[in-house]
Protein backbone atom coordinates (compact mmCIF):
# COMPACT_ATOMS: atom_id res chain seq x y z
CA MET A 1 -0.36 13.03 39.61
CA LYS A 2 -3.51 11.99 37.73
CA LEU A 3 -3.19 8.72 35.84
CA GLY A 4 -3.09 8.90 32.07
CA LYS A 5 -5.02 6.60 29.77
CA VAL A 6 -4.00 3.88 27.33
CA TYR A 7 -5.82 3.26 24.05
CA LEU A 8 -5.23 -0.19 22.56
CA VAL A 9 -5.74 0.70 18.90
CA GLY A 10 -5.93 -1.48 15.80
CA ALA A 11 -4.14 0.13 12.85
CA GLY A 12 -5.75 -2.13 10.25
CA PRO A 13 -4.03 -4.56 7.87
CA GLY A 14 -1.68 -2.25 5.96
CA ASP A 15 -3.68 -0.08 3.58
CA PRO A 16 -3.77 3.26 5.44
CA GLY A 17 -7.28 3.83 4.09
CA LEU A 18 -8.56 0.99 6.25
CA ILE A 19 -7.80 2.62 9.60
CA THR A 20 -10.93 3.69 11.49
CA VAL A 21 -12.02 7.25 12.23
CA LYS A 22 -11.85 6.45 15.96
CA ALA A 23 -8.25 5.25 15.61
CA LEU A 24 -7.27 8.46 13.79
CA GLU A 25 -8.81 10.56 16.56
CA CYS A 26 -6.78 8.65 19.13
CA LEU A 27 -3.55 9.14 17.18
CA GLN A 28 -4.16 12.88 16.83
CA GLN A 29 -4.71 13.25 20.59
CA ALA A 30 -1.88 10.96 21.72
CA GLU A 31 1.09 12.23 23.69
CA VAL A 32 2.94 8.94 23.20
CA VAL A 33 2.47 6.29 20.50
CA VAL A 34 3.89 2.83 21.17
CA TYR A 35 3.77 1.11 17.79
CA ASP A 36 4.37 -2.21 16.08
CA PHE A 37 6.21 -3.37 12.95
CA LEU A 38 3.11 -3.34 10.72
CA ALA A 39 2.01 0.19 11.65
CA GLY A 40 3.36 2.03 8.59
CA PRO A 41 4.57 5.61 8.02
CA ALA A 42 1.31 6.68 6.33
CA ILE A 43 -0.58 5.90 9.53
CA LEU A 44 2.04 7.43 11.82
CA ALA A 45 1.79 10.63 9.76
CA HIS A 46 -1.45 11.38 11.63
CA VAL A 47 0.42 11.64 14.94
CA SER A 48 1.08 15.11 16.35
CA ASP A 49 4.62 16.49 15.88
CA GLN A 50 4.75 16.97 19.65
CA ALA A 51 4.01 13.31 20.40
CA GLU A 52 6.72 10.80 21.30
CA LEU A 53 7.01 7.72 19.05
CA ILE A 54 8.31 4.47 20.59
CA TYR A 55 8.90 1.45 18.34
CA VAL A 56 8.39 -1.92 20.01
CA GLY A 57 7.89 -4.07 16.93
CA LYS A 58 8.35 -7.81 16.61
CA LYS A 59 9.54 -9.20 13.28
CA GLY A 60 9.93 -12.96 13.31
CA SER A 61 12.29 -13.82 16.15
CA ASP A 62 13.61 -10.25 16.33
CA HIS A 63 11.84 -8.58 19.26
CA THR A 64 12.67 -4.97 20.12
CA LEU A 65 11.15 -5.43 23.58
CA ALA A 66 9.79 -8.51 25.31
CA GLN A 67 6.03 -8.47 25.87
CA SER A 68 6.54 -8.07 29.62
CA GLU A 69 8.64 -4.95 28.97
CA ILE A 70 5.97 -3.52 26.68
CA ASN A 71 3.40 -4.08 29.41
CA ARG A 72 5.58 -2.24 31.94
CA LEU A 73 6.21 0.59 29.48
CA LEU A 74 2.49 1.21 28.98
CA ILE A 75 1.87 1.22 32.73
CA ASP A 76 4.83 3.54 33.37
CA LEU A 77 3.76 6.05 30.69
CA ALA A 78 0.19 6.14 31.99
CA GLY A 79 1.57 6.52 35.52
CA ARG A 80 3.24 9.72 34.34
CA GLY A 81 -0.14 11.07 33.26
CA LYS A 82 0.36 10.49 29.54
CA THR A 83 -2.31 9.79 26.94
CA VAL A 84 -0.89 6.69 25.27
CA VAL A 85 -1.83 4.93 22.06
CA ARG A 86 -0.64 1.35 21.80
CA LEU A 87 -0.84 0.99 18.02
CA LYS A 88 -1.06 -2.58 16.80
CA GLY A 89 -1.34 -4.01 13.29
CA GLY A 90 -4.78 -5.34 12.38
CA ASP A 91 -7.03 -5.72 15.41
CA PRO A 92 -5.62 -5.63 18.96
CA PHE A 93 -7.50 -8.76 20.06
CA ILE A 94 -6.96 -11.02 17.01
CA PHE A 95 -3.60 -12.65 17.72
CA GLY A 96 -2.30 -9.22 18.67
CA ARG A 97 -1.65 -9.85 22.39
CA GLY A 98 -3.95 -6.96 23.18
CA GLY A 99 -5.76 -9.18 25.63
CA GLU A 100 -2.55 -9.69 27.61
CA GLU A 101 -1.86 -5.95 27.65
CA ALA A 102 -5.42 -5.22 28.77
CA GLU A 103 -5.04 -7.71 31.65
CA GLU A 104 -1.89 -5.95 32.84
CA LEU A 105 -3.53 -2.53 32.63
CA VAL A 106 -6.47 -3.80 34.69
CA ALA A 107 -4.12 -5.25 37.30
CA ALA A 108 -2.26 -1.93 37.53
CA GLY A 109 -5.45 0.11 37.77
CA VAL A 110 -4.71 2.02 34.54
CA PRO A 111 -7.70 3.37 32.59
CA PHE A 112 -7.79 2.03 29.04
CA GLU A 113 -10.01 1.71 25.99
CA ILE A 114 -10.09 -0.79 23.13
CA VAL A 115 -10.33 0.58 19.58
CA PRO A 116 -10.99 -2.35 17.23
CA GLY A 117 -9.20 -2.50 13.89
CA VAL A 118 -9.80 -4.21 10.57
CA THR A 119 -8.08 -7.56 10.95
CA SER A 120 -5.89 -8.93 8.16
CA ALA A 121 -7.73 -12.24 8.59
CA ILE A 122 -10.70 -10.68 6.80
CA ALA A 123 -9.21 -7.82 4.78
CA VAL A 124 -6.29 -9.61 3.12
CA PRO A 125 -8.36 -12.43 1.54
CA ALA A 126 -10.89 -9.81 0.41
CA TYR A 127 -8.18 -7.78 -1.35
CA ALA A 128 -7.04 -11.01 -3.04
CA GLY A 129 -10.58 -11.60 -4.30
CA ILE A 130 -11.38 -14.47 -1.93
CA PRO A 131 -14.73 -14.38 -0.07
CA LEU A 132 -14.28 -16.26 3.19
CA THR A 133 -17.92 -17.36 3.18
CA HIS A 134 -20.24 -18.06 0.26
CA ARG A 135 -23.65 -19.67 0.51
CA HIS A 136 -22.84 -22.17 -2.25
CA PHE A 137 -19.60 -23.29 -0.62
CA THR A 138 -19.42 -22.66 3.14
CA SER A 139 -21.10 -20.80 5.95
CA THR A 140 -18.27 -21.34 8.44
CA VAL A 141 -14.83 -19.79 8.85
CA ALA A 142 -12.15 -20.23 11.51
CA PHE A 143 -9.16 -18.04 12.38
CA VAL A 144 -6.06 -19.90 13.56
CA THR A 145 -2.61 -18.74 14.63
CA GLY A 146 0.15 -20.20 12.52
CA HIS A 147 2.70 -19.35 15.20
CA GLU A 148 1.88 -20.55 18.69
CA ASP A 149 3.69 -19.45 21.82
CA PRO A 150 7.08 -21.24 21.62
CA THR A 151 7.10 -21.73 25.39
CA LYS A 152 4.08 -24.06 25.19
CA THR A 153 4.85 -27.72 25.93
CA GLU A 154 2.13 -28.84 23.52
CA SER A 155 -0.09 -27.31 20.85
CA SER A 156 -3.53 -26.01 21.82
CA ILE A 157 -4.74 -26.54 18.24
CA ASP A 158 -7.00 -29.57 17.84
CA TRP A 159 -6.11 -30.39 14.24
CA SER A 160 -8.85 -32.97 13.78
CA LYS A 161 -11.54 -30.44 14.73
CA ILE A 162 -9.90 -27.60 12.80
CA ALA A 163 -9.50 -29.65 9.62
CA ALA A 164 -13.14 -30.74 9.51
CA GLY A 165 -14.84 -28.12 11.65
CA ALA A 166 -14.89 -25.09 9.33
CA GLY A 167 -15.28 -24.71 5.58
CA THR A 168 -12.69 -21.92 5.37
CA LEU A 169 -9.53 -21.76 7.47
CA VAL A 170 -7.49 -18.58 7.81
CA PHE A 171 -4.03 -18.85 9.36
CA LEU A 172 -2.11 -15.75 10.44
CA MET A 173 1.69 -15.74 10.82
CA GLY A 174 1.97 -19.21 9.30
CA VAL A 175 4.63 -18.98 6.60
CA LYS A 176 7.51 -20.40 8.62
CA ASN A 177 5.33 -23.28 9.83
CA LEU A 178 3.62 -23.85 6.48
CA PRO A 179 4.89 -27.43 5.91
CA HIS A 180 3.75 -28.37 9.42
CA ILE A 181 0.33 -26.73 8.99
CA THR A 182 -0.45 -28.31 5.63
CA ALA A 183 0.78 -31.73 6.75
CA LYS A 184 -1.30 -31.58 9.94
CA LEU A 185 -4.45 -30.60 8.05
CA ILE A 186 -4.04 -33.44 5.54
CA GLU A 187 -3.20 -35.91 8.30
CA ALA A 188 -6.39 -34.84 10.10
CA GLY A 189 -8.51 -35.52 7.04
CA ARG A 190 -8.55 -32.38 4.91
CA ASP A 191 -8.55 -33.22 1.20
CA PRO A 192 -5.01 -32.71 -0.16
CA ALA A 193 -6.53 -31.15 -3.29
CA THR A 194 -8.29 -28.41 -1.31
CA PRO A 195 -7.55 -25.00 -2.89
CA ALA A 196 -5.22 -22.89 -0.75
CA ALA A 197 -3.73 -19.42 -1.04
CA LEU A 198 -0.84 -17.54 0.51
CA ILE A 199 -1.22 -13.76 0.39
CA ARG A 200 1.86 -11.70 1.20
CA TRP A 201 1.84 -8.04 2.26
CA GLY A 202 -1.93 -8.02 1.83
CA THR A 203 -3.77 -4.72 1.18
CA THR A 204 -0.48 -2.96 0.32
CA PRO A 205 1.03 -2.13 -3.10
CA ASP A 206 3.43 -5.07 -2.58
CA GLN A 207 0.63 -7.65 -2.24
CA SER A 208 1.27 -10.94 -4.01
CA THR A 209 -0.74 -14.16 -4.01
CA LEU A 210 0.23 -17.80 -4.48
CA VAL A 211 -2.55 -20.33 -5.13
CA ALA A 212 -2.02 -24.10 -5.12
CA PRO A 213 -3.61 -27.31 -3.85
CA LEU A 214 -3.07 -27.79 -0.13
CA ASN A 215 -0.53 -30.58 -0.61
CA ASP A 216 1.54 -28.53 -3.07
CA LEU A 217 1.47 -25.14 -1.37
CA ALA A 218 4.49 -25.52 0.93
CA GLY A 219 6.71 -26.67 -1.92
CA LYS A 220 5.54 -23.87 -4.20
CA ALA A 221 6.18 -21.34 -1.43
CA VAL A 222 9.81 -22.52 -1.17
CA GLU A 223 10.22 -22.35 -4.97
CA MET A 224 8.94 -18.77 -5.02
CA ASN A 225 10.87 -17.75 -1.88
CA PHE A 226 7.59 -16.66 -0.29
CA LYS A 227 8.39 -14.91 2.98
CA PRO A 228 6.35 -13.36 5.82
CA PRO A 229 4.16 -11.50 6.51
CA ALA A 230 1.46 -13.57 4.83
CA VAL A 231 -2.03 -14.92 5.41
CA LEU A 232 -2.91 -18.52 4.54
CA VAL A 233 -6.43 -19.34 3.36
CA VAL A 234 -7.59 -22.94 2.95
CA GLY A 235 -10.98 -23.84 1.49
CA GLU A 236 -13.11 -24.20 -1.62
CA VAL A 237 -13.73 -20.44 -1.62
CA VAL A 238 -10.14 -19.95 -2.82
CA GLY A 239 -11.32 -21.33 -6.17
CA LEU A 240 -13.62 -18.31 -6.52
CA ARG A 241 -10.66 -15.92 -6.74
């Protein structure tokens, strides 16, 4: 049997209007769609009625399937000749583990294609009115995961370089580790008064934003019961909101 093909597709950050034309074409042609938690119903509505939908979402510590099982699923479906869309929130390669899935597909000899998506790291601050760069404030921006692989024996984040190395810092998946992140940044030399923002459910009708100085943000988030999913932005550009 001829091998199928896997499309690693970014669904965008939440607003269904931000999905790309290429991604929509893939969804319309898919025989199977393997989708994540943040791929909403409005986006899945573009999938053919004849296509199979398989949910493999991860929400906090609640994982429907382990990543290794998702990898095997994609390979198995393609091995059965299926056209598969692996639909991931945001962009597949920005903290989306798309790189790991691509490696497994290469190793298995499965044809695949990457379809980039609009990452929440850029879109969510924009919807909150925060420009990540501004010539009067900063020309540098860094994207950082707020939730590293729990199996790591030590962090791969060099806090001293992160704190001073970019004018704007954007952390994804950082709400649960917010006290740790803010403390590490201040300890590494970031001004405690630096403006910071937490943006929850960005680009959706439920979007809400909390702005506070870096040293106050974690406490304010607890007071307001601010829960994931949220993007953290740290930098003077937050003051432009």
